[in-house]
Amino acid sequence: MDVTMLLCDAAEEAGGKLYILGGGWSVIQAPNVLAPMALAIKMSVPWDQANEPHQILASLKTDDGEPVDAGNGPVFARGEIEVGRPPGSKRGSPLDAPFVLRFNGLALPPGGYVWELDIDGTQLAREPFRVLEGT
């Protein structure tokens, strides 16, 4: 399974497309300030893995690999996705599955962080970023 993940300010999925606002950043210059954050994700699901559930886990960790606690426990999103084969799709063709995970109001102290995305227990994407000291 192929996965593309982009860190952004905001994103939406509509009609099988991702609409991204403020995408592709890797630095926050306002530590400890509530900041919206989203992960825009496009899965490419192999034909033979369609029509079955896939477990998704996105977790925020420090650059040392420790889970980030934003005051209410570790920051993560967990869910399940099942991609169906649309009528008329060519046998063996990969199937697109775009989706967005939103994390509103994270206030992170200065340091290095990474979003990790696991699908069915296998890490398929990482997106590192840094929160810099205030200026």
N, C-alpha and C. Protein backbone atom coordinates (compact mmCIF):
# COMPACT_ATOMS: atom_id res chain seq x y z
N MET A 1 0.85 -1.17 0.00
CA MET A 1 0.00 0.00 0.00
C MET A 1 0.90 1.24 0.00
N ASP A 2 0.61 2.19 -0.87
CA ASP A 2 1.35 3.44 -0.92
C ASP A 2 0.56 4.53 -0.20
N VAL A 3 1.28 5.40 0.51
CA VAL A 3 0.65 6.49 1.25
C VAL A 3 1.44 7.77 1.05
N THR A 4 0.71 8.86 0.79
CA THR A 4 1.30 10.20 0.77
C THR A 4 0.63 10.97 1.89
N MET A 5 1.45 11.62 2.75
CA MET A 5 0.91 12.38 3.88
C MET A 5 1.54 13.76 3.88
N LEU A 6 0.70 14.79 4.05
CA LEU A 6 1.17 16.17 4.03
C LEU A 6 0.65 16.88 5.27
N LEU A 7 1.55 17.55 5.97
CA LEU A 7 1.20 18.35 7.13
C LEU A 7 0.71 19.71 6.65
N CYS A 8 -0.44 20.15 7.17
CA CYS A 8 -1.03 21.40 6.69
C CYS A 8 -1.82 22.09 7.81
N ASP A 9 -2.20 23.33 7.53
CA ASP A 9 -3.02 24.08 8.49
C ASP A 9 -4.44 23.54 8.52
N ALA A 10 -4.99 23.26 7.35
CA ALA A 10 -6.36 22.76 7.24
C ALA A 10 -6.50 22.00 5.94
N ALA A 11 -7.44 21.08 5.90
CA ALA A 11 -7.70 20.31 4.68
C ALA A 11 -9.11 19.73 4.75
N GLU A 12 -9.63 19.43 3.59
CA GLU A 12 -10.94 18.79 3.45
C GLU A 12 -10.83 17.74 2.35
N GLU A 13 -11.65 16.71 2.47
CA GLU A 13 -11.80 15.74 1.40
C GLU A 13 -13.21 15.88 0.87
N ALA A 14 -13.33 16.02 -0.44
CA ALA A 14 -14.65 16.10 -1.06
C ALA A 14 -14.57 15.48 -2.45
N GLY A 15 -15.47 14.57 -2.72
CA GLY A 15 -15.54 13.96 -4.04
C GLY A 15 -14.27 13.23 -4.45
N GLY A 16 -13.57 12.65 -3.48
CA GLY A 16 -12.36 11.91 -3.81
C GLY A 16 -11.13 12.77 -4.03
N LYS A 17 -11.22 14.06 -3.68
CA LYS A 17 -10.08 14.97 -3.83
C LYS A 17 -9.75 15.60 -2.48
N LEU A 18 -8.48 15.98 -2.30
CA LEU A 18 -8.03 16.70 -1.11
C LEU A 18 -7.93 18.17 -1.44
N TYR A 19 -8.51 19.00 -0.57
CA TYR A 19 -8.41 20.45 -0.69
C TYR A 19 -7.59 20.92 0.51
N ILE A 20 -6.41 21.49 0.24
CA ILE A 20 -5.41 21.75 1.27
C ILE A 20 -5.15 23.24 1.40
N LEU A 21 -5.09 23.72 2.66
CA LEU A 21 -4.78 25.11 2.96
C LEU A 21 -3.53 25.15 3.84
N GLY A 22 -2.55 25.91 3.43
CA GLY A 22 -1.33 26.04 4.22
C GLY A 22 -0.59 24.73 4.33
N GLY A 23 -0.38 24.05 3.23
CA GLY A 23 0.23 22.72 3.25
C GLY A 23 1.73 22.72 3.01
N GLY A 24 2.38 21.71 3.53
CA GLY A 24 3.79 21.48 3.24
C GLY A 24 4.76 22.17 4.19
N TRP A 25 4.31 22.60 5.34
CA TRP A 25 5.22 23.26 6.27
C TRP A 25 5.91 22.25 7.18
N SER A 26 7.01 22.68 7.79
CA SER A 26 7.72 21.81 8.73
C SER A 26 8.23 22.57 9.95
N VAL A 27 7.81 23.85 10.10
CA VAL A 27 8.25 24.67 11.23
C VAL A 27 7.07 25.48 11.76
N ILE A 28 6.92 25.48 13.09
CA ILE A 28 5.98 26.36 13.78
C ILE A 28 6.83 27.35 14.57
N GLN A 29 6.56 28.64 14.42
CA GLN A 29 7.37 29.64 15.10
C GLN A 29 6.65 30.27 16.28
N ALA A 30 5.64 29.62 16.79
CA ALA A 30 4.88 30.12 17.94
C ALA A 30 4.69 28.99 18.94
N PRO A 31 5.67 28.79 19.83
CA PRO A 31 5.53 27.69 20.79
C PRO A 31 4.43 27.97 21.81
N ASN A 32 3.82 26.90 22.29
CA ASN A 32 2.79 26.95 23.32
C ASN A 32 1.58 27.79 22.94
N VAL A 33 1.33 27.96 21.65
CA VAL A 33 0.18 28.69 21.15
C VAL A 33 -0.73 27.69 20.45
N LEU A 34 -2.03 27.76 20.75
CA LEU A 34 -2.96 26.84 20.10
C LEU A 34 -2.89 27.02 18.59
N ALA A 35 -2.61 25.95 17.89
CA ALA A 35 -2.45 26.03 16.44
C ALA A 35 -3.23 24.89 15.79
N PRO A 36 -4.02 25.21 14.75
CA PRO A 36 -4.68 24.13 14.02
C PRO A 36 -3.65 23.35 13.20
N MET A 37 -3.91 22.10 13.05
CA MET A 37 -3.00 21.23 12.31
C MET A 37 -3.82 20.10 11.70
N ALA A 38 -3.48 19.71 10.49
CA ALA A 38 -4.18 18.60 9.85
C ALA A 38 -3.19 17.75 9.06
N LEU A 39 -3.57 16.52 8.87
CA LEU A 39 -2.82 15.60 8.01
C LEU A 39 -3.71 15.29 6.81
N ALA A 40 -3.23 15.66 5.62
CA ALA A 40 -3.92 15.31 4.38
C ALA A 40 -3.27 14.03 3.88
N ILE A 41 -4.07 12.99 3.73
CA ILE A 41 -3.53 11.66 3.43
C ILE A 41 -4.20 11.09 2.19
N LYS A 42 -3.38 10.52 1.32
CA LYS A 42 -3.89 9.81 0.15
C LYS A 42 -3.32 8.39 0.18
N MET A 43 -4.20 7.42 0.40
CA MET A 43 -3.80 6.02 0.34
C MET A 43 -4.05 5.51 -1.07
N SER A 44 -3.17 4.68 -1.53
CA SER A 44 -3.37 3.96 -2.78
C SER A 44 -3.50 2.48 -2.40
N VAL A 45 -4.72 2.01 -2.42
CA VAL A 45 -5.02 0.66 -1.93
C VAL A 45 -4.94 -0.33 -3.09
N PRO A 46 -4.10 -1.38 -2.95
CA PRO A 46 -4.04 -2.39 -4.00
C PRO A 46 -5.40 -3.07 -4.21
N TRP A 47 -5.65 -3.45 -5.43
CA TRP A 47 -6.92 -4.08 -5.82
C TRP A 47 -7.30 -5.23 -4.90
N ASP A 48 -6.33 -6.06 -4.57
CA ASP A 48 -6.63 -7.25 -3.76
C ASP A 48 -6.83 -6.93 -2.28
N GLN A 49 -6.63 -5.67 -1.86
CA GLN A 49 -6.88 -5.27 -0.48
C GLN A 49 -8.14 -4.40 -0.34
N ALA A 50 -8.88 -4.27 -1.44
CA ALA A 50 -10.14 -3.53 -1.41
C ALA A 50 -11.21 -4.40 -0.78
N ASN A 51 -12.30 -3.75 -0.37
CA ASN A 51 -13.45 -4.44 0.22
C ASN A 51 -13.10 -5.20 1.49
N GLU A 52 -12.09 -4.71 2.21
CA GLU A 52 -11.78 -5.26 3.53
C GLU A 52 -11.32 -4.10 4.42
N PRO A 53 -11.59 -4.17 5.72
CA PRO A 53 -11.25 -3.06 6.61
C PRO A 53 -9.74 -2.97 6.84
N HIS A 54 -9.27 -1.72 6.97
CA HIS A 54 -7.87 -1.43 7.27
C HIS A 54 -7.83 -0.53 8.50
N GLN A 55 -6.99 -0.88 9.47
CA GLN A 55 -6.86 -0.12 10.71
C GLN A 55 -5.84 1.00 10.51
N ILE A 56 -6.23 2.22 10.92
CA ILE A 56 -5.38 3.39 10.75
C ILE A 56 -5.06 3.97 12.12
N LEU A 57 -3.79 4.31 12.33
CA LEU A 57 -3.36 4.97 13.57
C LEU A 57 -2.37 6.07 13.21
N ALA A 58 -2.72 7.31 13.52
CA ALA A 58 -1.80 8.44 13.37
C ALA A 58 -1.43 8.89 14.78
N SER A 59 -0.16 8.96 15.07
CA SER A 59 0.27 9.35 16.41
C SER A 59 1.36 10.41 16.34
N LEU A 60 1.31 11.34 17.29
CA LEU A 60 2.30 12.40 17.38
C LEU A 60 3.34 11.99 18.41
N LYS A 61 4.61 12.05 18.00
CA LYS A 61 5.70 11.67 18.89
C LYS A 61 6.77 12.75 18.87
N THR A 62 7.60 12.74 19.90
CA THR A 62 8.76 13.62 19.89
C THR A 62 9.77 13.04 18.90
N ASP A 63 10.78 13.83 18.55
CA ASP A 63 11.77 13.28 17.63
C ASP A 63 12.61 12.18 18.27
N ASP A 64 12.43 11.97 19.59
CA ASP A 64 13.07 10.85 20.28
C ASP A 64 12.18 9.61 20.31
N GLY A 65 10.97 9.70 19.72
CA GLY A 65 10.08 8.56 19.64
C GLY A 65 9.10 8.41 20.79
N GLU A 66 9.06 9.40 21.70
CA GLU A 66 8.14 9.33 22.84
C GLU A 66 6.78 9.91 22.45
N PRO A 67 5.68 9.31 22.91
CA PRO A 67 4.35 9.88 22.63
C PRO A 67 4.22 11.28 23.22
N VAL A 68 3.55 12.16 22.50
CA VAL A 68 3.33 13.53 22.96
C VAL A 68 2.03 13.58 23.75
N ASP A 69 2.09 14.14 24.96
CA ASP A 69 0.91 14.34 25.80
C ASP A 69 0.61 15.83 25.77
N ALA A 70 -0.54 16.20 25.19
CA ALA A 70 -0.93 17.61 25.09
C ALA A 70 -1.86 18.01 26.23
N GLY A 71 -1.79 17.30 27.36
CA GLY A 71 -2.59 17.64 28.52
C GLY A 71 -3.70 16.66 28.82
N ASN A 72 -4.15 15.92 27.81
CA ASN A 72 -5.22 14.93 28.00
C ASN A 72 -4.78 13.54 27.59
N GLY A 73 -3.50 13.27 27.67
CA GLY A 73 -2.98 11.97 27.25
C GLY A 73 -2.35 12.07 25.87
N PRO A 74 -1.89 10.96 25.34
CA PRO A 74 -1.20 10.96 24.04
C PRO A 74 -2.09 11.50 22.92
N VAL A 75 -1.45 12.19 21.97
CA VAL A 75 -2.16 12.75 20.81
C VAL A 75 -2.13 11.71 19.70
N PHE A 76 -3.33 11.26 19.30
CA PHE A 76 -3.42 10.27 18.23
C PHE A 76 -4.83 10.27 17.64
N ALA A 77 -4.96 9.64 16.51
CA ALA A 77 -6.27 9.38 15.90
C ALA A 77 -6.25 7.95 15.42
N ARG A 78 -7.34 7.25 15.70
CA ARG A 78 -7.44 5.84 15.32
C ARG A 78 -8.76 5.63 14.62
N GLY A 79 -8.76 4.79 13.62
CA GLY A 79 -9.99 4.50 12.92
C GLY A 79 -9.83 3.34 11.97
N GLU A 80 -10.86 3.16 11.16
CA GLU A 80 -10.89 2.07 10.20
C GLU A 80 -11.39 2.63 8.88
N ILE A 81 -10.81 2.14 7.80
CA ILE A 81 -11.25 2.55 6.47
C ILE A 81 -11.40 1.30 5.62
N GLU A 82 -12.43 1.31 4.79
CA GLU A 82 -12.64 0.22 3.84
C GLU A 82 -12.92 0.84 2.48
N VAL A 83 -12.13 0.46 1.51
CA VAL A 83 -12.24 1.02 0.17
C VAL A 83 -12.89 -0.01 -0.74
N GLY A 84 -13.98 0.40 -1.37
CA GLY A 84 -14.68 -0.50 -2.28
C GLY A 84 -14.21 -0.30 -3.71
N ARG A 85 -14.41 -1.32 -4.51
CA ARG A 85 -14.07 -1.22 -5.94
C ARG A 85 -15.24 -0.58 -6.68
N PRO A 86 -15.01 0.57 -7.31
CA PRO A 86 -16.11 1.21 -8.04
C PRO A 86 -16.47 0.42 -9.30
N PRO A 87 -17.73 0.48 -9.70
CA PRO A 87 -18.14 -0.21 -10.93
C PRO A 87 -17.31 0.28 -12.11
N GLY A 88 -16.90 -0.63 -12.93
CA GLY A 88 -16.15 -0.28 -14.14
C GLY A 88 -14.66 -0.11 -13.94
N SER A 89 -14.17 -0.24 -12.70
CA SER A 89 -12.72 -0.09 -12.50
C SER A 89 -12.00 -1.32 -13.06
N LYS A 90 -10.84 -1.06 -13.62
CA LYS A 90 -10.05 -2.12 -14.25
C LYS A 90 -9.44 -3.03 -13.19
N ARG A 91 -9.61 -4.32 -13.38
CA ARG A 91 -9.07 -5.31 -12.45
C ARG A 91 -7.57 -5.09 -12.26
N GLY A 92 -7.13 -5.07 -11.00
CA GLY A 92 -5.72 -4.89 -10.68
C GLY A 92 -5.31 -3.43 -10.46
N SER A 93 -6.21 -2.49 -10.78
CA SER A 93 -5.89 -1.06 -10.61
C SER A 93 -5.89 -0.69 -9.14
N PRO A 94 -4.90 0.11 -8.69
CA PRO A 94 -4.95 0.60 -7.30
C PRO A 94 -6.12 1.57 -7.14
N LEU A 95 -6.63 1.66 -5.93
CA LEU A 95 -7.80 2.50 -5.64
C LEU A 95 -7.40 3.63 -4.71
N ASP A 96 -7.75 4.86 -5.07
CA ASP A 96 -7.44 6.03 -4.25
C ASP A 96 -8.37 6.09 -3.04
N ALA A 97 -7.80 6.48 -1.90
CA ALA A 97 -8.59 6.69 -0.68
C ALA A 97 -8.04 7.92 0.03
N PRO A 98 -8.49 9.12 -0.37
CA PRO A 98 -8.04 10.33 0.32
C PRO A 98 -8.87 10.58 1.58
N PHE A 99 -8.21 11.06 2.64
CA PHE A 99 -8.92 11.45 3.85
C PHE A 99 -8.07 12.44 4.64
N VAL A 100 -8.72 13.09 5.61
CA VAL A 100 -8.06 14.13 6.40
C VAL A 100 -8.24 13.82 7.88
N LEU A 101 -7.18 14.03 8.64
CA LEU A 101 -7.24 13.95 10.10
C LEU A 101 -6.93 15.34 10.64
N ARG A 102 -7.84 15.89 11.45
CA ARG A 102 -7.68 17.25 11.99
C ARG A 102 -7.34 17.18 13.48
N PHE A 103 -6.41 18.05 13.87
CA PHE A 103 -6.00 18.16 15.27
C PHE A 103 -6.03 19.64 15.62
N ASN A 104 -7.16 20.11 16.10
CA ASN A 104 -7.33 21.54 16.40
C ASN A 104 -6.88 21.85 17.81
N GLY A 105 -6.16 22.94 17.93
CA GLY A 105 -5.82 23.43 19.26
C GLY A 105 -4.66 22.73 19.94
N LEU A 106 -3.64 22.31 19.19
CA LEU A 106 -2.45 21.75 19.82
C LEU A 106 -1.49 22.90 20.16
N ALA A 107 -1.09 22.98 21.44
CA ALA A 107 -0.11 23.98 21.87
C ALA A 107 1.13 23.20 22.30
N LEU A 108 2.14 23.22 21.45
CA LEU A 108 3.33 22.39 21.68
C LEU A 108 4.52 23.24 22.12
N PRO A 109 5.29 22.74 23.09
CA PRO A 109 6.50 23.45 23.48
C PRO A 109 7.58 23.31 22.40
N PRO A 110 8.62 24.14 22.47
CA PRO A 110 9.70 24.04 21.49
C PRO A 110 10.29 22.62 21.46
N GLY A 111 10.65 22.18 20.27
CA GLY A 111 11.25 20.87 20.12
C GLY A 111 10.94 20.25 18.78
N GLY A 112 11.39 19.02 18.61
CA GLY A 112 11.17 18.28 17.37
C GLY A 112 10.06 17.25 17.56
N TYR A 113 9.25 17.11 16.52
CA TYR A 113 8.10 16.21 16.56
C TYR A 113 8.00 15.46 15.24
N VAL A 114 7.21 14.39 15.27
CA VAL A 114 6.95 13.65 14.04
C VAL A 114 5.57 13.00 14.13
N TRP A 115 4.81 13.14 13.05
CA TRP A 115 3.56 12.40 12.91
C TRP A 115 3.90 11.08 12.26
N GLU A 116 3.42 9.99 12.83
CA GLU A 116 3.63 8.66 12.26
C GLU A 116 2.27 8.07 11.90
N LEU A 117 2.18 7.50 10.71
CA LEU A 117 0.94 6.89 10.25
C LEU A 117 1.17 5.40 10.05
N ASP A 118 0.42 4.60 10.81
CA ASP A 118 0.46 3.14 10.69
C ASP A 118 -0.85 2.68 10.07
N ILE A 119 -0.74 1.75 9.14
CA ILE A 119 -1.91 1.12 8.56
C ILE A 119 -1.73 -0.38 8.72
N ASP A 120 -2.70 -0.98 9.37
CA ASP A 120 -2.66 -2.41 9.67
C ASP A 120 -1.38 -2.79 10.40
N GLY A 121 -0.95 -1.90 11.32
CA GLY A 121 0.21 -2.19 12.15
C GLY A 121 1.56 -1.94 11.52
N THR A 122 1.58 -1.41 10.30
CA THR A 122 2.84 -1.12 9.61
C THR A 122 2.97 0.38 9.39
N GLN A 123 4.10 0.94 9.79
CA GLN A 123 4.31 2.37 9.58
C GLN A 123 4.56 2.63 8.09
N LEU A 124 3.68 3.47 7.51
CA LEU A 124 3.77 3.74 6.08
C LEU A 124 4.10 5.20 5.76
N ALA A 125 4.05 6.09 6.77
CA ALA A 125 4.39 7.49 6.51
C ALA A 125 4.87 8.15 7.79
N ARG A 126 5.79 9.11 7.62
CA ARG A 126 6.29 9.94 8.73
C ARG A 126 6.37 11.37 8.22
N GLU A 127 6.00 12.32 9.06
CA GLU A 127 6.08 13.72 8.70
C GLU A 127 6.66 14.51 9.88
N PRO A 128 7.98 14.79 9.86
CA PRO A 128 8.60 15.52 10.96
C PRO A 128 8.39 17.03 10.85
N PHE A 129 8.41 17.70 12.02
CA PHE A 129 8.35 19.16 12.07
C PHE A 129 8.97 19.63 13.38
N ARG A 130 9.26 20.94 13.43
CA ARG A 130 9.88 21.54 14.62
C ARG A 130 9.04 22.71 15.11
N VAL A 131 9.02 22.88 16.40
CA VAL A 131 8.44 24.06 17.03
C VAL A 131 9.62 24.85 17.57
N LEU A 132 9.79 26.08 17.06
CA LEU A 132 10.93 26.91 17.45
C LEU A 132 10.61 27.77 18.65
N GLU A 133 11.65 28.19 19.35
CA GLU A 133 11.50 29.15 20.45
C GLU A 133 10.83 30.42 19.91
N GLY A 134 10.06 31.09 20.74
CA GLY A 134 9.39 32.33 20.34
C GLY A 134 10.39 33.43 20.00
N THR A 135 9.97 34.34 19.14
CA THR A 135 10.86 35.44 18.74
C THR A 135 10.35 36.75 19.29
